[in-house]
């Protein structure tokens, strides 16, 4: 009997780690459960997660109110199989053998919950596609 394949690991990166990357990480955790290891970080993390993002996620039953922005480290990139930047122009250290994607998405910073909802829904759709690809049920 072969041992199970290691869990794929995904890192979501955005400059402030307060909006898009938090939503993406929360959706991946919520939808894939423990089939995927999930991280998120930013090169210049904000003090708190965007309150409109917290509200928008709460509307779909995902509570991220206890999350806090984290600083992007070289170690986090090295430990991840897939590194996804979220249209924020942030740069990551590049290592061979990693897969890098950039999802172009509007910035929810300074926006109300009405503007965050379509961004949230676009992120969910992309995360669902990612799960189907890297961690099918």
N, C-alpha and C. Protein backbone atom coordinates (compact mmCIF):
# COMPACT_ATOMS: atom_id res chain seq x y z
N UNK A 1 0.84 -1.18 0.00
CA UNK A 1 0.00 0.00 0.00
C UNK A 1 0.88 1.24 0.00
N UNK A 2 0.60 2.16 -0.89
CA UNK A 2 1.43 3.36 -0.95
C UNK A 2 0.93 4.38 0.07
N UNK A 3 1.85 5.21 0.53
CA UNK A 3 1.47 6.23 1.49
C UNK A 3 0.75 7.35 0.75
N UNK A 4 -0.14 8.06 1.43
CA UNK A 4 -0.87 9.13 0.75
C UNK A 4 0.09 10.22 0.30
N UNK A 5 -0.28 10.87 -0.79
CA UNK A 5 0.55 11.97 -1.29
C UNK A 5 0.55 13.10 -0.26
N UNK A 6 1.66 13.81 -0.16
CA UNK A 6 1.67 14.94 0.78
C UNK A 6 0.63 15.98 0.37
N UNK A 7 0.11 16.70 1.36
CA UNK A 7 -0.87 17.74 1.08
C UNK A 7 -0.20 18.86 0.29
N UNK A 8 -0.86 19.34 -0.76
CA UNK A 8 -0.31 20.52 -1.44
C UNK A 8 -0.40 21.73 -0.50
N UNK A 9 0.53 22.65 -0.68
CA UNK A 9 0.59 23.83 0.17
C UNK A 9 0.46 25.07 -0.71
N UNK A 10 -0.42 25.99 -0.30
CA UNK A 10 -0.68 27.20 -1.08
C UNK A 10 -0.43 28.43 -0.20
N UNK A 11 0.25 29.40 -0.78
CA UNK A 11 0.51 30.68 -0.12
C UNK A 11 -0.15 31.79 -0.94
N UNK A 12 -1.04 32.56 -0.32
CA UNK A 12 -1.66 33.73 -0.96
C UNK A 12 -0.93 34.98 -0.48
N UNK A 13 -0.52 35.83 -1.44
CA UNK A 13 0.27 37.00 -1.10
C UNK A 13 -0.40 38.26 -1.64
N UNK A 14 -0.52 39.26 -0.77
CA UNK A 14 -0.93 40.59 -1.15
C UNK A 14 -0.21 41.56 -0.22
N UNK A 15 0.05 42.75 -0.66
CA UNK A 15 0.91 43.67 0.08
C UNK A 15 0.52 43.78 1.55
N UNK A 16 -0.76 44.06 1.82
CA UNK A 16 -1.18 44.32 3.19
C UNK A 16 -1.74 43.09 3.91
N UNK A 17 -1.99 41.99 3.18
CA UNK A 17 -2.55 40.77 3.76
C UNK A 17 -3.79 41.10 4.61
N UNK A 18 -4.62 42.00 4.09
CA UNK A 18 -5.78 42.45 4.86
C UNK A 18 -7.10 42.26 4.11
N UNK A 19 -7.04 41.83 2.84
CA UNK A 19 -8.26 41.73 2.05
C UNK A 19 -8.28 40.49 1.18
N UNK A 20 -7.78 40.65 -0.05
CA UNK A 20 -7.85 39.57 -1.03
C UNK A 20 -7.18 38.29 -0.55
N UNK A 21 -5.98 38.38 -0.01
CA UNK A 21 -5.26 37.18 0.41
C UNK A 21 -5.96 36.52 1.60
N UNK A 22 -6.55 37.32 2.47
CA UNK A 22 -7.29 36.75 3.61
C UNK A 22 -8.54 36.02 3.13
N UNK A 23 -9.26 36.61 2.16
CA UNK A 23 -10.45 35.95 1.63
C UNK A 23 -10.08 34.65 0.93
N UNK A 24 -9.02 34.69 0.13
CA UNK A 24 -8.60 33.49 -0.60
C UNK A 24 -8.20 32.38 0.35
N UNK A 25 -7.42 32.71 1.37
CA UNK A 25 -7.00 31.71 2.35
C UNK A 25 -8.20 31.13 3.09
N UNK A 26 -9.15 32.00 3.45
CA UNK A 26 -10.33 31.53 4.18
C UNK A 26 -11.18 30.61 3.31
N UNK A 27 -11.38 30.97 2.04
CA UNK A 27 -12.15 30.09 1.15
C UNK A 27 -11.44 28.76 0.95
N UNK A 28 -10.13 28.78 0.75
CA UNK A 28 -9.41 27.52 0.53
C UNK A 28 -9.50 26.63 1.77
N UNK A 29 -9.34 27.21 2.93
CA UNK A 29 -9.46 26.45 4.18
C UNK A 29 -10.88 25.89 4.34
N UNK A 30 -11.87 26.74 4.07
CA UNK A 30 -13.27 26.36 4.23
C UNK A 30 -13.68 25.27 3.23
N UNK A 31 -13.26 25.41 1.98
CA UNK A 31 -13.73 24.51 0.92
C UNK A 31 -12.89 23.23 0.79
N UNK A 32 -11.61 23.30 1.10
CA UNK A 32 -10.75 22.12 0.93
C UNK A 32 -10.48 21.40 2.25
N UNK A 33 -10.81 22.05 3.36
CA UNK A 33 -10.56 21.42 4.65
C UNK A 33 -9.09 21.13 4.83
N UNK A 34 -8.79 19.93 5.33
CA UNK A 34 -7.38 19.61 5.60
C UNK A 34 -6.69 18.95 4.40
N UNK A 35 -7.32 19.01 3.22
CA UNK A 35 -6.66 18.45 2.03
C UNK A 35 -5.55 19.36 1.51
N UNK A 36 -5.56 20.64 1.94
CA UNK A 36 -4.57 21.60 1.48
C UNK A 36 -4.04 22.38 2.68
N UNK A 37 -2.74 22.63 2.69
CA UNK A 37 -2.14 23.50 3.71
C UNK A 37 -2.22 24.92 3.17
N UNK A 38 -2.72 25.85 3.99
CA UNK A 38 -3.00 27.21 3.52
C UNK A 38 -2.23 28.23 4.34
N UNK A 39 -1.61 29.17 3.62
CA UNK A 39 -0.94 30.30 4.26
C UNK A 39 -1.33 31.57 3.52
N UNK A 40 -1.24 32.71 4.23
CA UNK A 40 -1.36 34.00 3.55
C UNK A 40 -0.42 34.96 4.24
N UNK A 41 0.06 35.95 3.47
CA UNK A 41 1.03 36.90 4.01
C UNK A 41 1.12 38.12 3.10
N UNK A 42 1.81 39.14 3.60
CA UNK A 42 2.01 40.35 2.82
C UNK A 42 3.37 40.96 3.11
N UNK A 43 3.89 41.72 2.15
CA UNK A 43 5.21 42.32 2.33
C UNK A 43 5.17 43.51 3.28
N UNK A 44 3.99 44.16 3.39
CA UNK A 44 3.82 45.28 4.32
C UNK A 44 2.47 45.10 5.00
N UNK A 45 2.36 44.13 5.91
CA UNK A 45 1.05 43.79 6.48
C UNK A 45 0.40 44.98 7.20
N UNK A 46 -0.91 45.06 7.03
CA UNK A 46 -1.70 46.07 7.73
C UNK A 46 -1.81 45.68 9.21
N UNK A 47 -2.39 46.57 9.99
CA UNK A 47 -2.59 46.27 11.42
C UNK A 47 -3.73 45.28 11.63
N UNK A 48 -4.75 45.39 10.79
CA UNK A 48 -5.94 44.54 10.95
C UNK A 48 -6.47 44.14 9.58
N UNK A 49 -7.31 43.12 9.57
CA UNK A 49 -8.00 42.72 8.35
C UNK A 49 -9.09 43.77 8.06
N UNK A 50 -9.26 44.11 6.79
CA UNK A 50 -10.25 45.08 6.34
C UNK A 50 -11.64 44.71 6.88
N UNK A 51 -12.29 45.61 7.64
CA UNK A 51 -13.60 45.30 8.22
C UNK A 51 -14.67 44.98 7.18
N UNK A 52 -14.63 45.60 6.01
CA UNK A 52 -15.61 45.29 4.96
C UNK A 52 -15.39 43.87 4.44
N UNK A 53 -14.14 43.42 4.41
CA UNK A 53 -13.82 42.05 4.00
C UNK A 53 -14.36 41.06 5.04
N UNK A 54 -14.17 41.38 6.31
CA UNK A 54 -14.69 40.53 7.39
C UNK A 54 -16.21 40.39 7.25
N UNK A 55 -16.91 41.53 7.01
CA UNK A 55 -18.37 41.50 6.85
C UNK A 55 -18.78 40.68 5.63
N UNK A 56 -18.10 40.89 4.51
CA UNK A 56 -18.46 40.17 3.27
C UNK A 56 -18.27 38.67 3.45
N UNK A 57 -17.23 38.26 4.13
CA UNK A 57 -17.01 36.83 4.36
C UNK A 57 -18.05 36.27 5.34
N UNK A 58 -18.40 37.06 6.33
CA UNK A 58 -19.41 36.64 7.30
C UNK A 58 -20.75 36.36 6.60
N UNK A 59 -21.04 37.14 5.56
CA UNK A 59 -22.29 36.94 4.80
C UNK A 59 -22.36 35.56 4.16
N UNK A 60 -21.21 34.95 3.89
CA UNK A 60 -21.20 33.61 3.28
C UNK A 60 -20.83 32.55 4.31
N UNK A 61 -20.93 32.92 5.59
CA UNK A 61 -20.76 31.93 6.65
C UNK A 61 -19.32 31.62 7.04
N UNK A 62 -18.39 32.50 6.69
CA UNK A 62 -16.98 32.29 7.04
C UNK A 62 -16.52 33.44 7.92
N UNK A 63 -16.13 33.11 9.15
CA UNK A 63 -15.72 34.11 10.12
C UNK A 63 -14.20 34.27 10.08
N UNK A 64 -13.74 35.44 9.63
CA UNK A 64 -12.29 35.70 9.62
C UNK A 64 -11.95 36.84 10.58
N UNK A 65 -12.87 37.13 11.50
CA UNK A 65 -12.66 38.26 12.41
C UNK A 65 -11.45 38.07 13.32
N UNK A 66 -11.05 36.83 13.56
CA UNK A 66 -9.90 36.59 14.44
C UNK A 66 -8.57 36.56 13.68
N UNK A 67 -8.63 36.65 12.34
CA UNK A 67 -7.39 36.61 11.55
C UNK A 67 -6.62 37.91 11.71
N UNK A 68 -5.32 37.83 11.50
CA UNK A 68 -4.50 39.05 11.50
C UNK A 68 -3.49 38.97 10.37
N UNK A 69 -3.18 40.12 9.77
CA UNK A 69 -2.20 40.14 8.68
C UNK A 69 -0.84 39.64 9.17
N UNK A 70 -0.17 38.87 8.28
CA UNK A 70 1.13 38.29 8.61
C UNK A 70 2.17 38.75 7.61
N UNK A 71 3.41 38.82 8.05
CA UNK A 71 4.49 39.26 7.17
C UNK A 71 4.96 38.11 6.29
N UNK A 72 5.22 38.44 5.03
CA UNK A 72 5.72 37.47 4.07
C UNK A 72 7.17 37.13 4.40
N UNK A 73 7.45 35.83 4.50
CA UNK A 73 8.82 35.39 4.77
C UNK A 73 9.30 34.49 3.65
N UNK A 74 10.59 34.45 3.48
CA UNK A 74 11.19 33.54 2.50
C UNK A 74 10.82 32.10 2.84
N UNK A 75 10.77 31.79 4.14
CA UNK A 75 10.45 30.43 4.57
C UNK A 75 9.04 30.03 4.14
N UNK A 76 8.09 30.97 4.22
CA UNK A 76 6.72 30.66 3.81
C UNK A 76 6.66 30.33 2.32
N UNK A 77 7.43 31.06 1.52
CA UNK A 77 7.46 30.79 0.08
C UNK A 77 8.12 29.43 -0.17
N UNK A 78 9.22 29.17 0.49
CA UNK A 78 9.93 27.90 0.30
C UNK A 78 9.07 26.71 0.70
N UNK A 79 8.21 26.87 1.69
CA UNK A 79 7.39 25.78 2.21
C UNK A 79 6.12 25.56 1.38
N UNK A 80 5.88 26.38 0.37
CA UNK A 80 4.64 26.31 -0.40
C UNK A 80 4.89 25.73 -1.79
N UNK A 81 3.91 24.96 -2.26
CA UNK A 81 3.97 24.40 -3.62
C UNK A 81 3.47 25.41 -4.65
N UNK A 82 2.43 26.15 -4.26
CA UNK A 82 1.82 27.13 -5.15
C UNK A 82 1.81 28.48 -4.43
N UNK A 83 2.30 29.52 -5.12
CA UNK A 83 2.33 30.87 -4.57
C UNK A 83 1.46 31.74 -5.47
N UNK A 84 0.42 32.34 -4.88
CA UNK A 84 -0.53 33.11 -5.67
C UNK A 84 -0.55 34.56 -5.18
N UNK A 85 -0.15 35.48 -6.08
CA UNK A 85 -0.30 36.90 -5.78
C UNK A 85 -1.66 37.32 -6.32
N UNK A 86 -2.23 38.34 -5.72
CA UNK A 86 -3.62 38.67 -5.99
C UNK A 86 -3.77 40.04 -6.65
N UNK A 87 -3.02 40.25 -7.73
CA UNK A 87 -3.19 41.47 -8.51
C UNK A 87 -2.73 42.71 -7.79
N UNK A 88 -1.88 42.54 -6.79
CA UNK A 88 -1.50 43.67 -5.96
C UNK A 88 -0.10 44.17 -6.29
N UNK A 89 0.54 43.59 -7.30
CA UNK A 89 1.86 44.05 -7.68
C UNK A 89 2.93 43.68 -6.66
N UNK A 90 2.58 42.82 -5.71
CA UNK A 90 3.56 42.42 -4.71
C UNK A 90 4.51 41.41 -5.35
N UNK A 91 5.71 41.38 -4.86
CA UNK A 91 6.68 40.43 -5.40
C UNK A 91 7.07 39.45 -4.32
N UNK A 92 7.35 38.25 -4.76
CA UNK A 92 7.76 37.18 -3.86
C UNK A 92 9.15 36.73 -4.27
N UNK A 93 9.89 36.20 -3.31
CA UNK A 93 11.13 35.54 -3.72
C UNK A 93 10.77 34.36 -4.62
N UNK A 94 11.55 34.18 -5.66
CA UNK A 94 11.26 33.10 -6.61
C UNK A 94 12.22 31.95 -6.38
N UNK A 95 11.66 30.77 -6.23
CA UNK A 95 12.45 29.56 -6.05
C UNK A 95 12.09 28.57 -7.13
N UNK A 96 13.08 27.82 -7.64
CA UNK A 96 12.78 26.81 -8.65
C UNK A 96 11.84 25.75 -8.08
N UNK A 97 10.99 25.22 -8.94
CA UNK A 97 10.11 24.14 -8.53
C UNK A 97 8.80 24.60 -7.91
N UNK A 98 8.63 25.89 -7.72
CA UNK A 98 7.37 26.42 -7.20
C UNK A 98 6.51 26.86 -8.36
N UNK A 99 5.22 26.84 -8.17
CA UNK A 99 4.31 27.33 -9.19
C UNK A 99 3.82 28.70 -8.74
N UNK A 100 3.94 29.68 -9.61
CA UNK A 100 3.53 31.05 -9.29
C UNK A 100 2.36 31.45 -10.18
N UNK A 101 1.32 32.00 -9.57
CA UNK A 101 0.16 32.49 -10.30
C UNK A 101 -0.13 33.91 -9.83
N UNK A 102 -0.72 34.72 -10.72
CA UNK A 102 -1.19 36.04 -10.31
C UNK A 102 -2.65 36.14 -10.70
N UNK A 103 -3.50 36.34 -9.71
CA UNK A 103 -4.92 36.51 -9.95
C UNK A 103 -5.21 38.01 -9.92
N UNK A 104 -5.53 38.58 -11.09
CA UNK A 104 -5.84 40.01 -11.17
C UNK A 104 -7.21 40.26 -10.53
N UNK A 105 -7.22 40.97 -9.44
CA UNK A 105 -8.46 41.26 -8.73
C UNK A 105 -8.45 42.70 -8.23
N UNK A 106 -9.61 43.34 -8.19
CA UNK A 106 -9.70 44.70 -7.66
C UNK A 106 -9.31 44.71 -6.19
N UNK A 107 -8.83 45.85 -5.75
CA UNK A 107 -8.40 46.01 -4.36
C UNK A 107 -9.59 46.44 -3.50
N UNK A 108 -9.91 45.67 -2.44
CA UNK A 108 -11.03 46.07 -1.59
C UNK A 108 -10.68 47.18 -0.59
N UNK A 109 -9.43 47.60 -0.53
CA UNK A 109 -9.02 48.63 0.45
C UNK A 109 -9.85 49.89 0.28
N UNK A 110 -10.40 50.38 1.36
CA UNK A 110 -11.17 51.61 1.33
C UNK A 110 -12.55 51.49 0.73
N UNK A 111 -12.94 50.27 0.36
CA UNK A 111 -14.23 50.04 -0.27
C UNK A 111 -15.24 49.57 0.78
N UNK A 112 -16.50 49.81 0.50
CA UNK A 112 -17.56 49.29 1.36
C UNK A 112 -17.86 47.85 1.01
N UNK A 113 -18.70 47.22 1.81
CA UNK A 113 -19.02 45.81 1.61
C UNK A 113 -19.66 45.56 0.24
N UNK A 114 -20.41 46.52 -0.30
CA UNK A 114 -21.02 46.35 -1.62
C UNK A 114 -19.96 46.16 -2.70
N UNK A 115 -18.84 46.85 -2.58
CA UNK A 115 -17.75 46.72 -3.56
C UNK A 115 -16.93 45.47 -3.30
N UNK A 116 -16.93 44.98 -2.07
CA UNK A 116 -16.14 43.79 -1.72
C UNK A 116 -16.82 42.51 -2.21
N UNK A 117 -18.14 42.48 -2.22
CA UNK A 117 -18.86 41.24 -2.59
C UNK A 117 -18.42 40.66 -3.93
N UNK A 118 -18.35 41.46 -5.03
CA UNK A 118 -17.94 40.85 -6.30
C UNK A 118 -16.50 40.35 -6.27
N UNK A 119 -15.64 41.00 -5.51
CA UNK A 119 -14.25 40.54 -5.37
C UNK A 119 -14.25 39.21 -4.63
N UNK A 120 -15.01 39.16 -3.55
CA UNK A 120 -15.15 37.91 -2.76
C UNK A 120 -15.63 36.77 -3.65
N UNK A 121 -16.65 37.03 -4.46
CA UNK A 121 -17.22 35.98 -5.29
C UNK A 121 -16.24 35.52 -6.37
N UNK A 122 -15.47 36.46 -6.92
CA UNK A 122 -14.45 36.10 -7.91
C UNK A 122 -13.36 35.23 -7.27
N UNK A 123 -12.98 35.58 -6.05
CA UNK A 123 -11.97 34.79 -5.34
C UNK A 123 -12.49 33.38 -5.08
N UNK A 124 -13.73 33.27 -4.63
CA UNK A 124 -14.29 31.94 -4.37
C UNK A 124 -14.25 31.08 -5.63
N UNK A 125 -14.64 31.65 -6.75
CA UNK A 125 -14.65 30.92 -8.01
C UNK A 125 -13.24 30.42 -8.37
N UNK A 126 -12.24 31.28 -8.21
CA UNK A 126 -10.86 30.88 -8.52
C UNK A 126 -10.35 29.83 -7.56
N UNK A 127 -10.71 29.96 -6.28
CA UNK A 127 -10.29 28.97 -5.29
C UNK A 127 -10.93 27.61 -5.61
N UNK A 128 -12.18 27.61 -6.00
CA UNK A 128 -12.84 26.34 -6.37
C UNK A 128 -12.11 25.68 -7.53
N UNK A 129 -11.69 26.47 -8.52
CA UNK A 129 -10.94 25.93 -9.65
C UNK A 129 -9.58 25.39 -9.20
N UNK A 130 -8.93 26.10 -8.29
CA UNK A 130 -7.63 25.66 -7.76
C UNK A 130 -7.77 24.33 -7.03
N UNK A 131 -8.80 24.20 -6.21
CA UNK A 131 -9.02 22.94 -5.47
C UNK A 131 -9.22 21.79 -6.43
N UNK A 132 -10.03 22.00 -7.46
CA UNK A 132 -10.29 20.93 -8.44
C UNK A 132 -8.98 20.48 -9.09
N UNK A 133 -8.05 21.40 -9.23
CA UNK A 133 -6.79 21.09 -9.88
C UNK A 133 -5.77 20.43 -8.95
N UNK A 134 -5.62 20.96 -7.73
CA UNK A 134 -4.53 20.48 -6.88
C UNK A 134 -4.95 19.51 -5.78
N UNK A 135 -6.25 19.48 -5.45
CA UNK A 135 -6.69 18.61 -4.35
C UNK A 135 -8.09 18.08 -4.61
N UNK A 136 -8.27 17.38 -5.75
CA UNK A 136 -9.61 16.89 -6.05
C UNK A 136 -10.08 15.93 -4.96
N UNK A 137 -11.37 15.94 -4.73
CA UNK A 137 -11.93 15.09 -3.67
C UNK A 137 -11.82 13.62 -4.04
